[in-house]
């Protein structure tokens, strides 16, 4: 991949990393702020528990995405950026444009998603 394209993707990935770090921090702080011993009503307690779980899951998704972004930045550094982790083929430029942190080409992504569905369902 050309150096100018790598620089472009690095810039986008660094911006995404900054956004995710900010979001992970916000969701962690929100979860801590929900600790309130003065809540007596069972409905309020259930609502607070649901909200805390929602933000925890949101945080987990952001953490996974952050891991993928950091991995993509490392791949730029080691020269493997843009190669599918499964088949080693080049990931289409349009796919990288949409998801610069994509780990798989579109065909392998479909296979991985199908394997995950089979494992959970």
PDB file of N, CA and C in Angstrom:
ATOM      1  N   UNK A   1       0.854  -1.174   0.000  1.00  0.00           N
ATOM      2  CA  UNK A   1       0.000   0.000   0.000  1.00  0.00           C
ATOM      3  C   UNK A   1       0.904   1.243   0.000  1.00  0.00           C
ATOM      4  N   UNK A   2       0.475   2.256  -0.719  1.00  0.00           N
ATOM      5  CA  UNK A   2       1.252   3.491  -0.823  1.00  0.00           C
ATOM      6  C   UNK A   2       1.341   4.208   0.529  1.00  0.00           C
ATOM      7  N   UNK A   3       2.441   4.929   0.703  1.00  0.00           N
ATOM      8  CA  UNK A   3       2.679   5.628   1.968  1.00  0.00           C
ATOM      9  C   UNK A   3       1.604   6.662   2.267  1.00  0.00           C
ATOM     10  N   UNK A   4       1.099   7.350   1.244  1.00  0.00           N
ATOM     11  CA  UNK A   4       0.073   8.368   1.483  1.00  0.00           C
ATOM     12  C   UNK A   4      -1.229   7.727   1.964  1.00  0.00           C
ATOM     13  N   UNK A   5      -1.553   6.533   1.434  1.00  0.00           N
ATOM     14  CA  UNK A   5      -2.768   5.829   1.886  1.00  0.00           C
ATOM     15  C   UNK A   5      -2.599   5.335   3.319  1.00  0.00           C
ATOM     16  N   UNK A   6      -1.408   4.830   3.627  1.00  0.00           N
ATOM     17  CA  UNK A   6      -1.143   4.388   4.999  1.00  0.00           C
ATOM     18  C   UNK A   6      -1.237   5.558   5.971  1.00  0.00           C
ATOM     19  N   UNK A   7      -0.714   6.706   5.584  1.00  0.00           N
ATOM     20  CA  UNK A   7      -0.797   7.901   6.435  1.00  0.00           C
ATOM     21  C   UNK A   7      -2.252   8.319   6.632  1.00  0.00           C
ATOM     22  N   UNK A   8      -3.041   8.218   5.565  1.00  0.00           N
ATOM     23  CA  UNK A   8      -4.467   8.545   5.646  1.00  0.00           C
ATOM     24  C   UNK A   8      -5.177   7.614   6.639  1.00  0.00           C
ATOM     25  N   UNK A   9      -4.937   6.315   6.506  1.00  0.00           N
ATOM     26  CA  UNK A   9      -5.578   5.356   7.408  1.00  0.00           C
ATOM     27  C   UNK A   9      -5.075   5.519   8.840  1.00  0.00           C
ATOM     28  N   UNK A  10      -3.785   5.805   9.015  1.00  0.00           N
ATOM     29  CA  UNK A  10      -3.246   6.030  10.358  1.00  0.00           C
ATOM     30  C   UNK A  10      -3.984   7.201  11.021  1.00  0.00           C
ATOM     31  N   UNK A  11      -4.168   8.286  10.283  1.00  0.00           N
ATOM     32  CA  UNK A  11      -4.854   9.459  10.824  1.00  0.00           C
ATOM     33  C   UNK A  11      -6.283   9.111  11.240  1.00  0.00           C
ATOM     34  N   UNK A  12      -6.993   8.390  10.383  1.00  0.00           N
ATOM     35  CA  UNK A  12      -8.376   7.995  10.709  1.00  0.00           C
ATOM     36  C   UNK A  12      -8.419   7.078  11.927  1.00  0.00           C
ATOM     37  N   UNK A  13      -7.484   6.131  11.994  1.00  0.00           N
ATOM     38  CA  UNK A  13      -7.451   5.192  13.117  1.00  0.00           C
ATOM     39  C   UNK A  13      -7.100   5.904  14.423  1.00  0.00           C
ATOM     40  N   UNK A  14      -6.177   6.849  14.374  1.00  0.00           N
ATOM     41  CA  UNK A  14      -5.826   7.590  15.583  1.00  0.00           C
ATOM     42  C   UNK A  14      -7.008   8.412  16.092  1.00  0.00           C
ATOM     43  N   UNK A  15      -7.781   8.992  15.185  1.00  0.00           N
ATOM     44  CA  UNK A  15      -8.976   9.754  15.575  1.00  0.00           C
ATOM     45  C   UNK A  15     -10.018   8.816  16.194  1.00  0.00           C
ATOM     46  N   UNK A  16     -10.217   7.654  15.587  1.00  0.00           N
ATOM     47  CA  UNK A  16     -11.163   6.672  16.125  1.00  0.00           C
ATOM     48  C   UNK A  16     -10.703   6.201  17.504  1.00  0.00           C
ATOM     49  N   UNK A  17      -9.412   5.988  17.664  1.00  0.00           N
ATOM     50  CA  UNK A  17      -8.863   5.569  18.949  1.00  0.00           C
ATOM     51  C   UNK A  17      -9.154   6.624  20.017  1.00  0.00           C
ATOM     52  N   UNK A  18      -8.947   7.889  19.676  1.00  0.00           N
ATOM     53  CA  UNK A  18      -9.218   8.975  20.622  1.00  0.00           C
ATOM     54  C   UNK A  18     -10.689   8.987  21.043  1.00  0.00           C
ATOM     55  N   UNK A  19     -11.589   8.832  20.059  1.00  0.00           N
ATOM     56  CA  UNK A  19     -13.025   8.824  20.343  1.00  0.00           C
ATOM     57  C   UNK A  19     -13.396   7.655  21.254  1.00  0.00           C
ATOM     58  N   UNK A  20     -12.858   6.486  20.969  1.00  0.00           N
ATOM     59  CA  UNK A  20     -13.189   5.300  21.750  1.00  0.00           C
ATOM     60  C   UNK A  20     -12.666   5.387  23.180  1.00  0.00           C
ATOM     61  N   UNK A  21     -11.462   5.891  23.339  1.00  0.00           N
ATOM     62  CA  UNK A  21     -10.907   6.050  24.683  1.00  0.00           C
ATOM     63  C   UNK A  21     -11.805   6.983  25.489  1.00  0.00           C
ATOM     64  N   UNK A  22     -12.275   8.037  24.852  1.00  0.00           N
ATOM     65  CA  UNK A  22     -13.182   8.979  25.496  1.00  0.00           C
ATOM     66  C   UNK A  22     -14.495   8.289  25.883  1.00  0.00           C
ATOM     67  N   UNK A  23     -15.060   7.503  24.964  1.00  0.00           N
ATOM     68  CA  UNK A  23     -16.332   6.804  25.226  1.00  0.00           C
ATOM     69  C   UNK A  23     -16.202   5.757  26.320  1.00  0.00           C
ATOM     70  N   UNK A  24     -15.116   4.991  26.288  1.00  0.00           N
ATOM     71  CA  UNK A  24     -14.895   3.974  27.320  1.00  0.00           C
ATOM     72  C   UNK A  24     -14.806   4.649  28.682  1.00  0.00           C
ATOM     73  N   UNK A  25     -14.114   5.771  28.746  1.00  0.00           N
ATOM     74  CA  UNK A  25     -14.005   6.511  30.000  1.00  0.00           C
ATOM     75  C   UNK A  25     -15.350   7.014  30.484  1.00  0.00           C
ATOM     76  N   UNK A  26     -16.158   7.547  29.574  1.00  0.00           N
ATOM     77  CA  UNK A  26     -17.486   8.054  29.944  1.00  0.00           C
ATOM     78  C   UNK A  26     -18.376   6.935  30.472  1.00  0.00           C
ATOM     79  N   UNK A  27     -18.402   5.789  29.792  1.00  0.00           N
ATOM     80  CA  UNK A  27     -19.287   4.707  30.224  1.00  0.00           C
ATOM     81  C   UNK A  27     -18.816   4.137  31.556  1.00  0.00           C
ATOM     82  N   UNK A  28     -17.517   4.099  31.797  1.00  0.00           N
ATOM     83  CA  UNK A  28     -17.006   3.617  33.086  1.00  0.00           C
ATOM     84  C   UNK A  28     -17.419   4.584  34.198  1.00  0.00           C
ATOM     85  N   UNK A  29     -17.297   5.885  33.947  1.00  0.00           N
ATOM     86  CA  UNK A  29     -17.694   6.873  34.949  1.00  0.00           C
ATOM     87  C   UNK A  29     -19.195   6.830  35.202  1.00  0.00           C
ATOM     88  N   UNK A  30     -19.988   6.640  34.136  1.00  0.00           N
ATOM     89  CA  UNK A  30     -21.433   6.592  34.305  1.00  0.00           C
ATOM     90  C   UNK A  30     -21.824   5.408  35.185  1.00  0.00           C
ATOM     91  N   UNK A  31     -21.213   4.275  34.958  1.00  0.00           N
ATOM     92  CA  UNK A  31     -21.506   3.089  35.757  1.00  0.00           C
ATOM     93  C   UNK A  31     -21.192   3.308  37.219  1.00  0.00           C
ATOM     94  N   UNK A  32     -20.102   4.027  37.508  1.00  0.00           N
ATOM     95  CA  UNK A  32     -19.738   4.320  38.892  1.00  0.00           C
ATOM     96  C   UNK A  32     -20.718   5.310  39.508  1.00  0.00           C
ATOM     97  N   UNK A  33     -21.191   6.277  38.721  1.00  0.00           N
ATOM     98  CA  UNK A  33     -22.121   7.277  39.225  1.00  0.00           C
ATOM     99  C   UNK A  33     -23.470   6.681  39.596  1.00  0.00           C
ATOM    100  N   UNK A  34     -23.770   5.503  39.092  1.00  0.00           N
ATOM    101  CA  UNK A  34     -25.077   4.910  39.351  1.00  0.00           C
ATOM    102  C   UNK A  34     -25.180   4.267  40.727  1.00  0.00           C
ATOM    103  N   UNK A  35     -24.104   4.209  41.471  1.00  0.00           N
ATOM    104  CA  UNK A  35     -24.130   3.651  42.816  1.00  0.00           C
ATOM    105  C   UNK A  35     -24.864   4.625  43.724  1.00  0.00           C
ATOM    106  N   UNK A  36     -26.065   4.276  44.165  1.00  0.00           N
ATOM    107  CA  UNK A  36     -26.839   5.164  45.026  1.00  0.00           C
ATOM    108  C   UNK A  36     -27.578   4.309  46.041  1.00  0.00           C
ATOM    109  N   UNK A  37     -27.110   4.334  47.269  1.00  0.00           N
ATOM    110  CA  UNK A  37     -27.706   3.510  48.317  1.00  0.00           C
ATOM    111  C   UNK A  37     -29.057   4.042  48.771  1.00  0.00           C
ATOM    112  N   UNK A  38     -29.396   5.271  48.404  1.00  0.00           N
ATOM    113  CA  UNK A  38     -30.647   5.855  48.883  1.00  0.00           C
ATOM    114  C   UNK A  38     -31.857   5.362  48.090  1.00  0.00           C
ATOM    115  N   UNK A  39     -31.656   4.627  46.993  1.00  0.00           N
ATOM    116  CA  UNK A  39     -32.774   4.138  46.192  1.00  0.00           C
ATOM    117  C   UNK A  39     -33.484   3.020  46.966  1.00  0.00           C
ATOM    118  N   UNK A  40     -34.759   3.217  47.205  1.00  0.00           N
ATOM    119  CA  UNK A  40     -35.533   2.234  47.973  1.00  0.00           C
ATOM    120  C   UNK A  40     -36.527   1.478  47.092  1.00  0.00           C
ATOM    121  N   UNK A  41     -37.066   2.165  46.092  1.00  0.00           N
ATOM    122  CA  UNK A  41     -38.094   1.592  45.246  1.00  0.00           C
ATOM    123  C   UNK A  41     -37.517   0.480  44.379  1.00  0.00           C
ATOM    124  N   UNK A  42     -38.202  -0.675  44.357  1.00  0.00           N
ATOM    125  CA  UNK A  42     -37.738  -1.826  43.589  1.00  0.00           C
ATOM    126  C   UNK A  42     -37.674  -1.514  42.096  1.00  0.00           C
ATOM    127  N   UNK A  43     -38.637  -0.747  41.592  1.00  0.00           N
ATOM    128  CA  UNK A  43     -38.625  -0.356  40.177  1.00  0.00           C
ATOM    129  C   UNK A  43     -37.409   0.501  39.845  1.00  0.00           C
ATOM    130  N   UNK A  44     -37.074   1.437  40.739  1.00  0.00           N
ATOM    131  CA  UNK A  44     -35.887   2.267  40.533  1.00  0.00           C
ATOM    132  C   UNK A  44     -34.625   1.422  40.563  1.00  0.00           C
ATOM    133  N   UNK A  45     -34.574   0.455  41.468  1.00  0.00           N
ATOM    134  CA  UNK A  45     -33.405  -0.418  41.569  1.00  0.00           C
ATOM    135  C   UNK A  45     -33.237  -1.239  40.293  1.00  0.00           C
ATOM    136  N   UNK A  46     -34.353  -1.738  39.766  1.00  0.00           N
ATOM    137  CA  UNK A  46     -34.306  -2.528  38.529  1.00  0.00           C
ATOM    138  C   UNK A  46     -33.858  -1.660  37.360  1.00  0.00           C
ATOM    139  N   UNK A  47     -34.393  -0.446  37.289  1.00  0.00           N
ATOM    140  CA  UNK A  47     -34.022   0.472  36.219  1.00  0.00           C
ATOM    141  C   UNK A  47     -32.537   0.828  36.298  1.00  0.00           C
ATOM    142  N   UNK A  48     -32.046   1.079  37.486  1.00  0.00           N
ATOM    143  CA  UNK A  48     -30.628   1.405  37.676  1.00  0.00           C
ATOM    144  C   UNK A  48     -29.756   0.221  37.276  1.00  0.00           C
ATOM    145  N   UNK A  49     -30.161  -0.983  37.657  1.00  0.00           N
ATOM    146  CA  UNK A  49     -29.390  -2.181  37.305  1.00  0.00           C
ATOM    147  C   UNK A  49     -29.364  -2.375  35.789  1.00  0.00           C
ATOM    148  N   UNK A  50     -30.517  -2.175  35.143  1.00  0.00           N
ATOM    149  CA  UNK A  50     -30.580  -2.299  33.678  1.00  0.00           C
ATOM    150  C   UNK A  50     -29.665  -1.279  33.009  1.00  0.00           C
ATOM    151  N   UNK A  51     -29.744  -0.025  33.466  1.00  0.00           N
ATOM    152  CA  UNK A  51     -28.927   1.039  32.882  1.00  0.00           C
ATOM    153  C   UNK A  51     -27.448   0.738  33.061  1.00  0.00           C
ATOM    154  N   UNK A  52     -27.065   0.263  34.246  1.00  0.00           N
ATOM    155  CA  UNK A  52     -25.666  -0.066  34.504  1.00  0.00           C
ATOM    156  C   UNK A  52     -25.211  -1.191  33.569  1.00  0.00           C
ATOM    157  N   UNK A  53     -26.030  -2.214  33.417  1.00  0.00           N
ATOM    158  CA  UNK A  53     -25.691  -3.334  32.522  1.00  0.00           C
ATOM    159  C   UNK A  53     -25.586  -2.863  31.077  1.00  0.00           C
ATOM    160  N   UNK A  54     -26.510  -1.992  30.657  1.00  0.00           N
ATOM    161  CA  UNK A  54     -26.481  -1.456  29.292  1.00  0.00           C
ATOM    162  C   UNK A  54     -25.167  -0.737  29.031  1.00  0.00           C
ATOM    163  N   UNK A  55     -24.770   0.144  29.946  1.00  0.00           N
ATOM    164  CA  UNK A  55     -23.528   0.880  29.749  1.00  0.00           C
ATOM    165  C   UNK A  55     -22.309  -0.023  29.856  1.00  0.00           C
ATOM    166  N   UNK A  56     -22.384  -1.063  30.674  1.00  0.00           N
ATOM    167  CA  UNK A  56     -21.280  -2.015  30.755  1.00  0.00           C
ATOM    168  C   UNK A  56     -21.101  -2.721  29.419  1.00  0.00           C
ATOM    169  N   UNK A  57     -22.199  -3.172  28.821  1.00  0.00           N
ATOM    170  CA  UNK A  57     -22.121  -3.842  27.520  1.00  0.00           C
ATOM    171  C   UNK A  57     -21.647  -2.883  26.439  1.00  0.00           C
ATOM    172  N   UNK A  58     -22.133  -1.657  26.476  1.00  0.00           N
ATOM    173  CA  UNK A  58     -21.675  -0.647  25.534  1.00  0.00           C
ATOM    174  C   UNK A  58     -20.173  -0.468  25.675  1.00  0.00           C
ATOM    175  N   UNK A  59     -19.718  -0.414  26.912  1.00  0.00           N
ATOM    176  CA  UNK A  59     -18.292  -0.284  27.164  1.00  0.00           C
ATOM    177  C   UNK A  59     -17.513  -1.476  26.636  1.00  0.00           C
ATOM    178  N   UNK A  60     -18.051  -2.693  26.770  1.00  0.00           N
ATOM    179  CA  UNK A  60     -17.376  -3.885  26.255  1.00  0.00           C
ATOM    180  C   UNK A  60     -17.230  -3.817  24.744  1.00  0.00           C
ATOM    181  N   UNK A  61     -18.289  -3.384  24.058  1.00  0.00           N
ATOM    182  CA  UNK A  61     -18.227  -3.250  22.604  1.00  0.00           C
ATOM    183  C   UNK A  61     -17.192  -2.223  22.191  1.00  0.00           C
ATOM    184  N   UNK A  62     -17.166  -1.101  22.908  1.00  0.00           N
ATOM    185  CA  UNK A  62     -16.174  -0.064  22.624  1.00  0.00           C
ATOM    186  C   UNK A  62     -14.766  -0.579  22.887  1.00  0.00           C
ATOM    187  N   UNK A  63     -14.602  -1.371  23.942  1.00  0.00           N
ATOM    188  CA  UNK A  63     -13.277  -1.920  24.245  1.00  0.00           C
ATOM    189  C   UNK A  63     -12.814  -2.884  23.164  1.00  0.00           C
ATOM    190  N   UNK A  64     -13.736  -3.707  22.651  1.00  0.00           N
ATOM    191  CA  UNK A  64     -13.376  -4.624  21.562  1.00  0.00           C
ATOM    192  C   UNK A  64     -12.985  -3.836  20.309  1.00  0.00           C
ATOM    193  N   UNK A  65     -13.755  -2.807  20.008  1.00  0.00           N
ATOM    194  CA  UNK A  65     -13.455  -1.973  18.847  1.00  0.00           C
ATOM    195  C   UNK A  65     -12.114  -1.256  19.025  1.00  0.00           C
ATOM    196  N   UNK A  66     -11.864  -0.772  20.225  1.00  0.00           N
ATOM    197  CA  UNK A  66     -10.587  -0.125  20.519  1.00  0.00           C
ATOM    198  C   UNK A  66      -9.430  -1.101  20.311  1.00  0.00           C
ATOM    199  N   UNK A  67      -9.611  -2.340  20.737  1.00  0.00           N
ATOM    200  CA  UNK A  67      -8.576  -3.361  20.529  1.00  0.00           C
ATOM    201  C   UNK A  67      -8.300  -3.549  19.039  1.00  0.00           C
ATOM    202  N   UNK A  68      -9.361  -3.573  18.216  1.00  0.00           N
ATOM    203  CA  UNK A  68      -9.196  -3.729  16.768  1.00  0.00           C
ATOM    204  C   UNK A  68      -8.494  -2.520  16.148  1.00  0.00           C
ATOM    205  N   UNK A  69      -8.803  -1.324  16.651  1.00  0.00           N
ATOM    206  CA  UNK A  69      -8.168  -0.105  16.134  1.00  0.00           C
ATOM    207  C   UNK A  69      -6.677  -0.114  16.468  1.00  0.00           C
ATOM    208  N   UNK A  70      -6.336  -0.466  17.714  1.00  0.00           N
ATOM    209  CA  UNK A  70      -4.929  -0.532  18.119  1.00  0.00           C
ATOM    210  C   UNK A  70      -4.198  -1.586  17.296  1.00  0.00           C
ATOM    211  N   UNK A  71      -4.846  -2.714  17.060  1.00  0.00           N
ATOM    212  CA  UNK A  71      -4.245  -3.768  16.241  1.00  0.00           C
ATOM    213  C   UNK A  71      -3.980  -3.266  14.819  1.00  0.00           C
ATOM    214  N   UNK A  72      -4.926  -2.525  14.246  1.00  0.00           N
ATOM    215  CA  UNK A  72      -4.747  -1.979  12.892  1.00  0.00           C
ATOM    216  C   UNK A  72      -3.583  -1.003  12.855  1.00  0.00           C
ATOM    217  N   UNK A  73      -3.431  -0.184  13.895  1.00  0.00           N
ATOM    218  CA  UNK A  73      -2.298   0.742  13.954  1.00  0.00           C
ATOM    219  C   UNK A  73      -0.969  -0.024  14.020  1.00  0.00           C
ATOM    220  N   UNK A  74      -0.957  -1.127  14.772  1.00  0.00           N
ATOM    221  CA  UNK A  74       0.253  -1.956  14.852  1.00  0.00           C
ATOM    222  C   UNK A  74       0.568  -2.585  13.493  1.00  0.00           C
ATOM    223  N   UNK A  75      -0.485  -2.961  12.773  1.00  0.00           N
ATOM    224  CA  UNK A  75      -0.286  -3.547  11.446  1.00  0.00           C
ATOM    225  C   UNK A  75       0.298  -2.531  10.474  1.00  0.00           C
ATOM    226  N   UNK A  76      -0.089  -1.269  10.601  1.00  0.00           N
ATOM    227  CA  UNK A  76       0.520  -0.230   9.764  1.00  0.00           C
ATOM    228  C   UNK A  76       2.015  -0.191  10.054  1.00  0.00           C
ATOM    229  N   UNK A  77       2.369  -0.249  11.327  1.00  0.00           N
ATOM    230  CA  UNK A  77       3.784  -0.189  11.721  1.00  0.00           C
ATOM    231  C   UNK A  77       4.576  -1.400  11.240  1.00  0.00           C
ATOM    232  N   UNK A  78       3.955  -2.592  11.286  1.00  0.00           N
ATOM    233  CA  UNK A  78       4.723  -3.791  10.905  1.00  0.00           C
ATOM    234  C   UNK A  78       4.572  -4.187   9.433  1.00  0.00           C
ATOM    235  N   UNK A  79       3.784  -3.398   8.688  1.00  0.00           N
ATOM    236  CA  UNK A  79       3.668  -3.627   7.252  1.00  0.00           C
ATOM    237  C   UNK A  79       2.607  -4.617   6.819  1.00  0.00           C
ATOM    238  N   UNK A  80       1.774  -5.080   7.755  1.00  0.00           N
ATOM    239  CA  UNK A  80       0.751  -6.061   7.382  1.00  0.00           C
ATOM    240  C   UNK A  80      -0.650  -5.463   7.254  1.00  0.00           C
ATOM    241  N   UNK A  81      -0.768  -4.138   7.351  1.00  0.00           N
ATOM    242  CA  UNK A  81      -2.070  -3.483   7.255  1.00  0.00           C
ATOM    243  C   UNK A  81      -2.695  -3.760   5.885  1.00  0.00           C
ATOM    244  N   UNK A  82      -3.982  -4.102   5.900  1.00  0.00           N
ATOM    245  CA  UNK A  82      -4.714  -4.333   4.656  1.00  0.00           C
ATOM    246  C   UNK A  82      -4.730  -5.784   4.220  1.00  0.00           C
ATOM    247  N   UNK A  83      -4.130  -6.669   5.031  1.00  0.00           N
ATOM    248  CA  UNK A  83      -4.149  -8.101   4.714  1.00  0.00           C
ATOM    249  C   UNK A  83      -5.125  -8.808   5.643  1.00  0.00           C
ATOM    250  N   UNK A  84      -5.902  -9.719   5.096  1.00  0.00           N
ATOM    251  CA  UNK A  84      -6.872 -10.496   5.867  1.00  0.00           C
ATOM    252  C   UNK A  84      -6.138 -11.410   6.853  1.00  0.00           C
ATOM    253  N   UNK A  85      -6.597 -11.419   8.096  1.00  0.00           N
ATOM    254  CA  UNK A  85      -5.984 -12.266   9.121  1.00  0.00           C
ATOM    255  C   UNK A  85      -6.260 -13.747   8.893  1.00  0.00           C
ATOM    256  N   UNK A  86      -7.259 -14.041   8.102  1.00  0.00           N
ATOM    257  CA  UNK A  86      -7.649 -15.437   7.902  1.00  0.00           C
ATOM    258  C   UNK A  86      -7.014 -16.044   6.647  1.00  0.00           C
ATOM    259  N   UNK A  87      -7.097 -15.347   5.531  1.00  0.00           N
ATOM    260  CA  UNK A  87      -6.620 -15.913   4.258  1.00  0.00           C
ATOM    261  C   UNK A  87      -5.395 -15.193   3.704  1.00  0.00           C
ATOM    262  N   UNK A  88      -4.993 -14.100   4.331  1.00  0.00           N
ATOM    263  CA  UNK A  88      -3.837 -13.283   3.942  1.00  0.00           C
ATOM    264  C   UNK A  88      -4.010 -12.532   2.623  1.00  0.00           C
ATOM    265  N   UNK A  89      -5.197 -12.587   2.031  1.00  0.00           N
ATOM    266  CA  UNK A  89      -5.461 -11.815   0.815  1.00  0.00           C
ATOM    267  C   UNK A  89      -5.613 -10.344   1.184  1.00  0.00           C
ATOM    268  N   UNK A  90      -5.483  -9.481   0.190  1.00  0.00           N
ATOM    269  CA  UNK A  90      -5.636  -8.046   0.398  1.00  0.00           C
ATOM    270  C   UNK A  90      -7.109  -7.718   0.644  1.00  0.00           C
ATOM    271  N   UNK A  91      -7.353  -6.924   1.676  1.00  0.00           N
ATOM    272  CA  UNK A  91      -8.706  -6.457   1.968  1.00  0.00           C
ATOM    273  C   UNK A  91      -9.021  -5.338   0.982  1.00  0.00           C
ATOM    274  N   UNK A  92     -10.202  -5.382   0.377  1.00  0.00           N
ATOM    275  CA  UNK A  92     -10.597  -4.391  -0.630  1.00  0.00           C
ATOM    276  C   UNK A  92     -10.509  -2.974  -0.072  1.00  0.00           C
ATOM    277  N   UNK A  93     -10.049  -2.055  -0.904  1.00  0.00           N
ATOM    278  CA  UNK A  93      -9.886  -0.667  -0.496  1.00  0.00           C
ATOM    279  C   UNK A  93     -11.211  -0.061  -0.028  1.00  0.00           C
ATOM    280  N   UNK A  94     -12.307  -0.409  -0.689  1.00  0.00           N
ATOM    281  CA  UNK A  94     -13.621   0.113  -0.282  1.00  0.00           C
ATOM    282  C   UNK A  94     -13.969  -0.349   1.133  1.00  0.00           C
ATOM    283  N   UNK A  95     -13.623  -1.589   1.456  1.00  0.00           N
ATOM    284  CA  UNK A  95     -13.885  -2.114   2.807  1.00  0.00           C
ATOM    285  C   UNK A  95     -13.038  -1.369   3.838  1.00  0.00           C
ATOM    286  N   UNK A  96     -11.771  -1.157   3.530  1.00  0.00           N
ATOM    287  CA  UNK A  96     -10.904  -0.415   4.444  1.00  0.00           C
ATOM    288  C   UNK A  96     -11.355   1.033   4.591  1.00  0.00           C
ATOM    289  N   UNK A  97     -11.881   1.587   3.524  1.00  0.00           N
ATOM    290  CA  UNK A  97     -12.399   2.957   3.589  1.00  0.00           C
ATOM    291  C   UNK A  97     -13.556   3.024   4.585  1.00  0.00           C
ATOM    292  N   UNK A  98     -14.426   2.018   4.553  1.00  0.00           N
ATOM    293  CA  UNK A  98     -15.573   1.976   5.465  1.00  0.00           C
ATOM    294  C   UNK A  98     -15.158   1.569   6.876  1.00  0.00           C
ATOM    295  N   UNK A  99     -14.258   0.592   6.979  1.00  0.00           N
ATOM    296  CA  UNK A  99     -13.808   0.058   8.266  1.00  0.00           C
ATOM    297  C   UNK A  99     -12.290  -0.084   8.255  1.00  0.00           C
ATOM    298  N   UNK A 100     -11.568   0.979   8.543  1.00  0.00           N
ATOM    299  CA  UNK A 100     -10.108   0.890   8.458  1.00  0.00           C
ATOM    300  C   UNK A 100      -9.499  -0.102   9.443  1.00  0.00           C
ATOM    301  N   UNK A 101     -10.298  -0.557  10.405  1.00  0.00           N
ATOM    302  CA  UNK A 101      -9.822  -1.527  11.390  1.00  0.00           C
ATOM    303  C   UNK A 101     -10.290  -2.948  11.063  1.00  0.00           C
ATOM    304  N   UNK A 102     -10.797  -3.153   9.834  1.00  0.00           N
ATOM    305  CA  UNK A 102     -11.282  -4.483   9.419  1.00  0.00           C
ATOM    306  C   UNK A 102     -10.156  -5.509   9.528  1.00  0.00           C
ATOM    307  N   UNK A 103     -10.484  -6.654  10.108  1.00  0.00           N
ATOM    308  CA  UNK A 103      -9.493  -7.719  10.285  1.00  0.00           C
ATOM    309  C   UNK A 103      -9.533  -8.733   9.146  1.00  0.00           C
ATOM    310  N   UNK A 104     -10.676  -8.808   8.461  1.00  0.00           N
ATOM    311  CA  UNK A 104     -10.883  -9.839   7.444  1.00  0.00           C
ATOM    312  C   UNK A 104     -11.382  -9.236   6.138  1.00  0.00           C
ATOM    313  N   UNK A 105     -11.094  -9.921   5.035  1.00  0.00           N
ATOM    314  CA  UNK A 105     -11.720  -9.563   3.768  1.00  0.00           C
ATOM    315  C   UNK A 105     -13.208  -9.882   3.895  1.00  0.00           C
ATOM    316  N   UNK A 106     -13.999  -9.415   2.962  1.00  0.00           N
ATOM    317  CA  UNK A 106     -15.452  -9.576   3.084  1.00  0.00           C
ATOM    318  C   UNK A 106     -15.871 -11.047   3.092  1.00  0.00           C
ATOM    319  N   UNK A 107     -15.214 -11.877   2.289  1.00  0.00           N
ATOM    320  CA  UNK A 107     -15.569 -13.301   2.254  1.00  0.00           C
ATOM    321  C   UNK A 107     -15.262 -13.991   3.580  1.00  0.00           C
ATOM    322  N   UNK A 108     -14.090 -13.731   4.126  1.00  0.00           N
ATOM    323  CA  UNK A 108     -13.733 -14.335   5.412  1.00  0.00           C
ATOM    324  C   UNK A 108     -14.597 -13.772   6.542  1.00  0.00           C
ATOM    325  N   UNK A 109     -14.977 -12.496   6.457  1.00  0.00           N
ATOM    326  CA  UNK A 109     -15.847 -11.908   7.475  1.00  0.00           C
ATOM    327  C   UNK A 109     -17.173 -12.661   7.526  1.00  0.00           C
ATOM    328  N   UNK A 110     -17.706 -12.992   6.360  1.00  0.00           N
ATOM    329  CA  UNK A 110     -18.965 -13.760   6.313  1.00  0.00           C
ATOM    330  C   UNK A 110     -18.794 -15.119   6.972  1.00  0.00           C
ATOM    331  N   UNK A 111     -17.680 -15.777   6.698  1.00  0.00           N
ATOM    332  CA  UNK A 111     -17.410 -17.089   7.289  1.00  0.00           C
ATOM    333  C   UNK A 111     -17.286 -16.975   8.809  1.00  0.00           C
ATOM    334  N   UNK A 112     -16.548 -15.974   9.276  1.00  0.00           N
ATOM    335  CA  UNK A 112     -16.368 -15.778  10.717  1.00  0.00           C
ATOM    336  C   UNK A 112     -17.709 -15.518  11.394  1.00  0.00           C
ATOM    337  N   UNK A 113     -18.544 -14.678  10.796  1.00  0.00           N
ATOM    338  CA  UNK A 113     -19.859 -14.384  11.371  1.00  0.00           C
ATOM    339  C   UNK A 113     -20.736 -15.629  11.398  1.00  0.00           C
ATOM    340  N   UNK A 114     -20.675 -16.426  10.359  1.00  0.00           N
ATOM    341  CA  UNK A 114     -21.457 -17.663  10.316  1.00  0.00           C
ATOM    342  C   UNK A 114     -20.975 -18.636  11.400  1.00  0.00           C
ATOM    343  N   UNK A 115     -19.670 -18.734  11.575  1.00  0.00           N
ATOM    344  CA  UNK A 115     -19.121 -19.603  12.620  1.00  0.00           C
ATOM    345  C   UNK A 115     -19.566 -19.134  14.001  1.00  0.00           C
ATOM    346  N   UNK A 116     -19.594 -17.815  14.208  1.00  0.00           N
ATOM    347  CA  UNK A 116     -20.032 -17.272  15.501  1.00  0.00           C
ATOM    348  C   UNK A 116     -21.517 -17.564  15.731  1.00  0.00           C
ATOM    349  N   UNK A 117     -22.327 -17.447  14.671  1.00  0.00           N
ATOM    350  CA  UNK A 117     -23.764 -17.753  14.797  1.00  0.00           C
ATOM    351  C   UNK A 117     -23.969 -19.222  15.139  1.00  0.00           C
ATOM    352  N   UNK A 118     -23.198 -20.088  14.510  1.00  0.00           N
ATOM    353  CA  UNK A 118     -23.331 -21.521  14.764  1.00  0.00           C
ATOM    354  C   UNK A 118     -22.918 -21.858  16.204  1.00  0.00           C
ATOM    355  N   UNK A 119     -21.895 -21.166  16.704  1.00  0.00           N
ATOM    356  CA  UNK A 119     -21.400 -21.435  18.033  1.00  0.00           C
ATOM    357  C   UNK A 119     -22.377 -20.955  19.117  1.00  0.00           C
ATOM    358  N   UNK A 120     -23.108 -19.870  18.846  1.00  0.00           N
ATOM    359  CA  UNK A 120     -24.018 -19.322  19.858  1.00  0.00           C
ATOM    360  C   UNK A 120     -25.460 -19.785  19.682  1.00  0.00           C
ATOM    361  N   UNK A 121     -25.758 -20.308  18.529  1.00  0.00           N
ATOM    362  CA  UNK A 121     -27.156 -20.638  18.282  1.00  0.00           C
ATOM    363  C   UNK A 121     -27.381 -22.058  18.124  1.00  0.00           C
TER     364      UNK A 121
END
